[in-house]
Protein backbone atom coordinates (compact mmCIF):
# COMPACT_ATOMS: atom_id res chain seq x y z
CA MET A 1 0.00 0.00 0.00
CA GLY A 2 1.28 3.44 -0.85
CA MET A 3 3.99 2.20 -3.21
CA THR A 4 2.39 3.20 -6.53
CA VAL A 5 4.16 6.15 -8.14
CA GLY A 6 1.99 8.88 -9.61
CA ALA A 7 0.46 12.27 -8.91
CA ILE A 8 0.03 12.29 -5.13
CA LEU A 9 -2.26 14.67 -3.28
CA VAL A 10 -1.35 15.18 0.39
CA SER A 11 -3.54 17.00 2.91
CA TYR A 12 -2.56 17.57 6.52
CA ASP A 13 -3.29 19.35 9.80
CA ILE A 14 -0.46 20.72 11.94
CA ASN A 15 -0.44 22.75 15.13
CA ARG A 16 1.78 25.68 14.06
CA LEU A 17 4.24 27.12 11.53
CA HIS A 18 1.89 26.49 8.61
CA ILE A 19 3.73 28.76 6.18
CA GLU A 20 7.16 27.36 7.03
CA VAL A 21 6.03 23.74 6.61
CA LYS A 22 4.25 24.50 3.34
CA ASN A 23 7.28 26.38 1.96
CA ALA A 24 9.60 23.50 2.93
CA MET A 25 7.32 21.04 1.13
CA LYS A 26 7.27 23.33 -1.91
CA ALA A 27 11.09 23.36 -1.84
CA LEU A 28 10.86 19.56 -2.30
CA GLY A 29 8.78 20.05 -5.45
CA TYR A 30 5.25 19.98 -4.03
CA THR A 31 2.84 22.55 -5.40
CA ASP A 32 -0.34 24.20 -4.13
CA ASN A 33 -2.00 24.69 -7.52
CA TRP A 34 -2.54 23.08 -10.90
CA HIS A 35 -3.64 24.05 -14.38
CA TYR A 36 -4.32 22.43 -17.72
CA GLY A 37 -2.16 23.79 -20.53
CA THR A 38 -2.60 27.55 -20.68
CA GLY A 39 -5.94 27.43 -18.87
CA LYS A 40 -6.98 28.78 -15.49
CA THR A 41 -4.78 28.05 -12.45
CA TYR A 42 -6.62 26.36 -9.58
CA GLN A 43 -5.45 26.80 -5.97
CA LEU A 44 -5.63 23.91 -3.53
CA PRO A 45 -6.86 24.38 0.07
CA ASN A 46 -4.25 25.84 2.47
CA THR A 47 -2.76 22.58 3.78
CA THR A 48 -3.12 20.50 0.64
CA LEU A 49 -0.32 19.97 -1.86
CA TRP A 50 0.47 17.63 -4.73
CA LYS A 51 3.53 16.28 -6.45
CA ASN A 52 3.97 14.13 -9.53
CA ASN A 53 6.06 10.95 -9.78
CA ILE A 54 6.19 9.95 -6.12
CA SER A 55 4.36 7.43 -3.92
CA SER A 56 1.92 8.24 -1.15
CA ASN A 57 4.41 6.67 1.29
CA GLN A 58 7.07 9.15 0.12
CA ALA A 59 4.70 12.10 0.51
CA ILE A 60 3.91 11.16 4.12
CA SER A 61 7.59 10.54 4.81
CA ASP A 62 8.50 13.98 3.40
CA LEU A 63 5.81 15.62 5.52
CA LYS A 64 6.90 13.81 8.70
CA SER A 65 10.53 14.82 8.12
CA ILE A 66 9.67 18.47 7.64
CA CYS A 67 7.42 18.53 10.69
CA ALA A 68 10.21 16.98 12.76
CA ARG A 69 12.70 19.56 11.43
CA PHE A 70 10.44 22.40 12.60
CA ASN A 71 9.31 20.60 15.78
CA VAL A 72 5.70 20.78 14.57
CA LEU A 73 2.98 18.36 15.65
CA LEU A 74 1.56 16.53 12.63
CA GLU A 75 -2.01 16.01 13.84
CA LYS A 76 -3.32 14.10 10.83
CA ALA A 77 -2.53 13.60 7.17
CA VAL A 78 -3.64 11.65 4.14
CA ALA A 79 -1.83 11.04 0.85
CA VAL A 80 -3.70 9.64 -2.13
CA ASN A 81 -2.97 8.84 -5.73
CA ALA A 82 -4.84 11.55 -7.64
CA THR A 83 -5.56 10.68 -11.25
CA GLU A 84 -7.94 13.56 -11.99
CA PHE A 85 -8.23 17.12 -10.64
CA VAL A 86 -11.42 19.18 -10.73
CA GLY A 87 -11.87 22.38 -8.73
CA VAL A 88 -13.24 25.88 -8.36
């Protein structure tokens, strides 16, 4: 479980330092938006990110490592293989 490589969506709750954790995840290649071609850019909710070509296990591992680095409590998280994005 969690070994399939693809576009992974990760959503999490932490107790503090939201901007720092998000920026550290973005430095690892995670993004907080997506778009199709030259179309509209869609923003994800504040503590939701995605990254292509990783596994859900890797996404959770990355998040745990960053939370540990900042001494942040990772309250809950989920990482799923996302094959289709639709949003407003």
